[in-house]
Amino acid sequence: MLQPIEPVTDPATPPGHPRDLGGPWHSDAACRSDEAGLFFAPSKEPTAARLAREEAAKRVCARCPVMLACREHALAQPEPYGVWGGMTAAERRVVLARRRRREVELQRPAPQIAVAG
């Protein structure tokens, strides 16, 4: 389930606008006007077609005002399929693995350095 973000008060936002009501981040997503098929693979999609579709989806993401919120949502859930925040599922798995490794490394005690003397 998508988590709403805190509303941002903008004096230029007209009353009743979704942003004025504290609407979720995805209400401003560029992909709302595109077909979901661009962001999610059909079954048995050939590799060349998948790569072309993913690149087209990433171009939509590149112009999206909420790309980072979308990406963080997909990483936090984690979303197992589709292009979210300009990243494929495989790219998100790599980011999550790196974050887990970094967390483990930060939890390890610092090595003791012997002082010569």
C-alpha atoms as a PDB file:
ATOM      1  CA  MET A   1       0.000   0.000   0.000  1.00  0.00           C
ATOM      2  CA  LEU A   2       1.309   3.437  -0.894  1.00  0.00           C
ATOM      3  CA  GLN A   3       2.186   5.674   2.033  1.00  0.00           C
ATOM      4  CA  PRO A   4       1.088   9.332   1.829  1.00  0.00           C
ATOM      5  CA  ILE A   5       3.688  12.024   2.269  1.00  0.00           C
ATOM      6  CA  GLU A   6       3.269  15.128   4.385  1.00  0.00           C
ATOM      7  CA  PRO A   7       1.449  17.900   2.520  1.00  0.00           C
ATOM      8  CA  VAL A   8       3.473  20.843   1.325  1.00  0.00           C
ATOM      9  CA  THR A   9       1.748  24.179   1.742  1.00  0.00           C
ATOM     10  CA  ASP A  10       2.157  26.297  -1.349  1.00  0.00           C
ATOM     11  CA  PRO A  11       0.325  29.635  -1.562  1.00  0.00           C
ATOM     12  CA  ALA A  12       0.172  29.224  -5.363  1.00  0.00           C
ATOM     13  CA  THR A  13      -1.771  25.938  -5.055  1.00  0.00           C
ATOM     14  CA  PRO A  14      -5.491  26.564  -5.536  1.00  0.00           C
ATOM     15  CA  PRO A  15      -7.879  25.291  -2.834  1.00  0.00           C
ATOM     16  CA  GLY A  16      -9.135  21.789  -3.582  1.00  0.00           C
ATOM     17  CA  HIS A  17      -6.100  20.836  -5.664  1.00  0.00           C
ATOM     18  CA  PRO A  18      -4.806  17.337  -4.704  1.00  0.00           C
ATOM     19  CA  ARG A  19      -1.579  18.895  -3.415  1.00  0.00           C
ATOM     20  CA  ASP A  20      -3.618  21.233  -1.250  1.00  0.00           C
ATOM     21  CA  LEU A  21      -5.360  18.214   0.289  1.00  0.00           C
ATOM     22  CA  GLY A  22      -2.061  16.533   1.113  1.00  0.00           C
ATOM     23  CA  GLY A  23      -2.500  13.987  -1.672  1.00  0.00           C
ATOM     24  CA  PRO A  24      -0.025  11.131  -1.984  1.00  0.00           C
ATOM     25  CA  TRP A  25       3.180  11.635  -3.938  1.00  0.00           C
ATOM     26  CA  HIS A  26       1.950   9.491  -6.821  1.00  0.00           C
ATOM     27  CA  SER A  27      -0.786  11.993  -7.663  1.00  0.00           C
ATOM     28  CA  ASP A  28       1.955  14.116  -9.292  1.00  0.00           C
ATOM     29  CA  ALA A  29       3.723  11.232 -11.040  1.00  0.00           C
ATOM     30  CA  ALA A  30       4.499  11.662 -14.740  1.00  0.00           C
ATOM     31  CA  CYS A  31       3.569   8.022 -15.387  1.00  0.00           C
ATOM     32  CA  ARG A  32      -0.085   8.588 -14.455  1.00  0.00           C
ATOM     33  CA  SER A  33      -0.779   9.554 -18.062  1.00  0.00           C
ATOM     34  CA  ASP A  34       1.184   6.642 -19.571  1.00  0.00           C
ATOM     35  CA  GLU A  35       0.094   3.062 -19.981  1.00  0.00           C
ATOM     36  CA  ALA A  36       1.029   0.706 -17.144  1.00  0.00           C
ATOM     37  CA  GLY A  37       2.318  -1.706 -19.806  1.00  0.00           C
ATOM     38  CA  LEU A  38       5.282   0.572 -20.294  1.00  0.00           C
ATOM     39  CA  PHE A  39       6.352   0.051 -16.684  1.00  0.00           C
ATOM     40  CA  PHE A  40       5.479  -3.621 -16.209  1.00  0.00           C
ATOM     41  CA  ALA A  41       6.594  -6.546 -18.364  1.00  0.00           C
ATOM     42  CA  PRO A  42       4.095  -8.758 -20.127  1.00  0.00           C
ATOM     43  CA  SER A  43       4.690 -12.474 -19.650  1.00  0.00           C
ATOM     44  CA  LYS A  44       7.332 -14.045 -21.905  1.00  0.00           C
ATOM     45  CA  GLU A  45       8.566 -10.673 -23.184  1.00  0.00           C
ATOM     46  CA  PRO A  46      11.655 -11.057 -25.404  1.00  0.00           C
ATOM     47  CA  THR A  47      14.826  -9.540 -23.935  1.00  0.00           C
ATOM     48  CA  ALA A  48      15.266  -6.893 -26.654  1.00  0.00           C
ATOM     49  CA  ALA A  49      11.656  -5.764 -26.259  1.00  0.00           C
ATOM     50  CA  ARG A  50      12.013  -5.660 -22.446  1.00  0.00           C
ATOM     51  CA  LEU A  51      15.153  -3.530 -22.639  1.00  0.00           C
ATOM     52  CA  ALA A  52      13.515  -1.090 -25.078  1.00  0.00           C
ATOM     53  CA  ARG A  53      10.370  -0.866 -22.928  1.00  0.00           C
ATOM     54  CA  GLU A  54      12.413  -0.290 -19.756  1.00  0.00           C
ATOM     55  CA  GLU A  55      14.410   2.487 -21.432  1.00  0.00           C
ATOM     56  CA  ALA A  56      11.198   4.160 -22.571  1.00  0.00           C
ATOM     57  CA  ALA A  57       9.811   3.923 -19.021  1.00  0.00           C
ATOM     58  CA  LYS A  58      13.032   5.385 -17.611  1.00  0.00           C
ATOM     59  CA  ARG A  59      12.692   8.364 -19.984  1.00  0.00           C
ATOM     60  CA  VAL A  60       9.259   9.059 -18.481  1.00  0.00           C
ATOM     61  CA  CYS A  61      10.760   8.743 -14.989  1.00  0.00           C
ATOM     62  CA  ALA A  62      13.583  11.145 -15.868  1.00  0.00           C
ATOM     63  CA  ARG A  63      11.082  14.004 -16.308  1.00  0.00           C
ATOM     64  CA  CYS A  64       8.993  13.085 -13.267  1.00  0.00           C
ATOM     65  CA  PRO A  65       8.806  15.573 -10.369  1.00  0.00           C
ATOM     66  CA  VAL A  66       8.349  12.757  -7.814  1.00  0.00           C
ATOM     67  CA  MET A  67      10.942  10.311  -9.153  1.00  0.00           C
ATOM     68  CA  LEU A  68      12.930  10.126  -5.898  1.00  0.00           C
ATOM     69  CA  ALA A  69       9.825   9.585  -3.749  1.00  0.00           C
ATOM     70  CA  CYS A  70       8.718   6.857  -6.147  1.00  0.00           C
ATOM     71  CA  ARG A  71      12.150   5.203  -6.016  1.00  0.00           C
ATOM     72  CA  GLU A  72      12.251   5.272  -2.228  1.00  0.00           C
ATOM     73  CA  HIS A  73       8.746   3.814  -2.105  1.00  0.00           C
ATOM     74  CA  ALA A  74       9.806   0.953  -4.382  1.00  0.00           C
ATOM     75  CA  LEU A  75      12.914   0.311  -2.275  1.00  0.00           C
ATOM     76  CA  ALA A  76      11.021   0.464   1.030  1.00  0.00           C
ATOM     77  CA  GLN A  77       8.160  -1.859   0.021  1.00  0.00           C
ATOM     78  CA  PRO A  78      10.106  -3.520  -1.828  1.00  0.00           C
ATOM     79  CA  GLU A  79       8.294  -3.568  -5.165  1.00  0.00           C
ATOM     80  CA  PRO A  80       9.303  -6.804  -6.925  1.00  0.00           C
ATOM     81  CA  TYR A  81       8.238  -5.865 -10.466  1.00  0.00           C
ATOM     82  CA  GLY A  82       8.324  -3.011 -12.914  1.00  0.00           C
ATOM     83  CA  VAL A  83      10.158   0.262 -13.380  1.00  0.00           C
ATOM     84  CA  TRP A  84       9.765   2.537 -10.345  1.00  0.00           C
ATOM     85  CA  GLY A  85      11.646   5.793  -9.844  1.00  0.00           C
ATOM     86  CA  GLY A  86      13.742   5.209 -12.942  1.00  0.00           C
ATOM     87  CA  MET A  87      15.001   1.804 -11.785  1.00  0.00           C
ATOM     88  CA  THR A  88      14.178  -1.734 -12.863  1.00  0.00           C
ATOM     89  CA  ALA A  89      13.503  -4.473 -10.326  1.00  0.00           C
ATOM     90  CA  ALA A  90      17.029  -5.831 -10.883  1.00  0.00           C
ATOM     91  CA  GLU A  91      18.581  -2.398 -10.307  1.00  0.00           C
ATOM     92  CA  ARG A  92      16.571  -1.988  -7.109  1.00  0.00           C
ATOM     93  CA  ARG A  93      17.765  -5.386  -5.855  1.00  0.00           C
ATOM     94  CA  VAL A  94      21.372  -4.208  -6.326  1.00  0.00           C
ATOM     95  CA  VAL A  95      20.691  -0.986  -4.383  1.00  0.00           C
ATOM     96  CA  LEU A  96      19.011  -2.926  -1.570  1.00  0.00           C
ATOM     97  CA  ALA A  97      21.921  -5.381  -1.374  1.00  0.00           C
ATOM     98  CA  ARG A  98      24.390  -2.478  -1.180  1.00  0.00           C
ATOM     99  CA  ARG A  99      22.347  -0.820   1.574  1.00  0.00           C
ATOM    100  CA  ARG A 100      22.247  -4.064   3.571  1.00  0.00           C
ATOM    101  CA  ARG A 101      26.029  -4.498   3.203  1.00  0.00           C
ATOM    102  CA  ARG A 102      26.603  -0.896   4.269  1.00  0.00           C
ATOM    103  CA  GLU A 103      24.389  -1.368   7.345  1.00  0.00           C
ATOM    104  CA  VAL A 104      26.326  -4.502   8.333  1.00  0.00           C
ATOM    105  CA  GLU A 105      29.645  -2.723   7.864  1.00  0.00           C
ATOM    106  CA  LEU A 106      28.498   0.222   9.989  1.00  0.00           C
ATOM    107  CA  GLN A 107      27.460  -2.114  12.795  1.00  0.00           C
ATOM    108  CA  ARG A 108      30.855  -3.825  12.979  1.00  0.00           C
ATOM    109  CA  PRO A 109      33.191  -2.487  15.657  1.00  0.00           C
ATOM    110  CA  ALA A 110      36.133  -0.494  14.350  1.00  0.00           C
ATOM    111  CA  PRO A 111      39.371  -2.502  14.211  1.00  0.00           C
ATOM    112  CA  GLN A 112      41.808  -1.860  17.034  1.00  0.00           C
ATOM    113  CA  ILE A 113      45.042  -0.215  15.939  1.00  0.00           C
ATOM    114  CA  ALA A 114      48.093  -1.150  17.968  1.00  0.00           C
ATOM    115  CA  VAL A 115      50.203   1.774  19.067  1.00  0.00           C
ATOM    116  CA  ALA A 116      53.960   1.184  18.832  1.00  0.00           C
ATOM    117  CA  GLY A 117      55.797   2.310  21.828  1.00  0.00           C
END
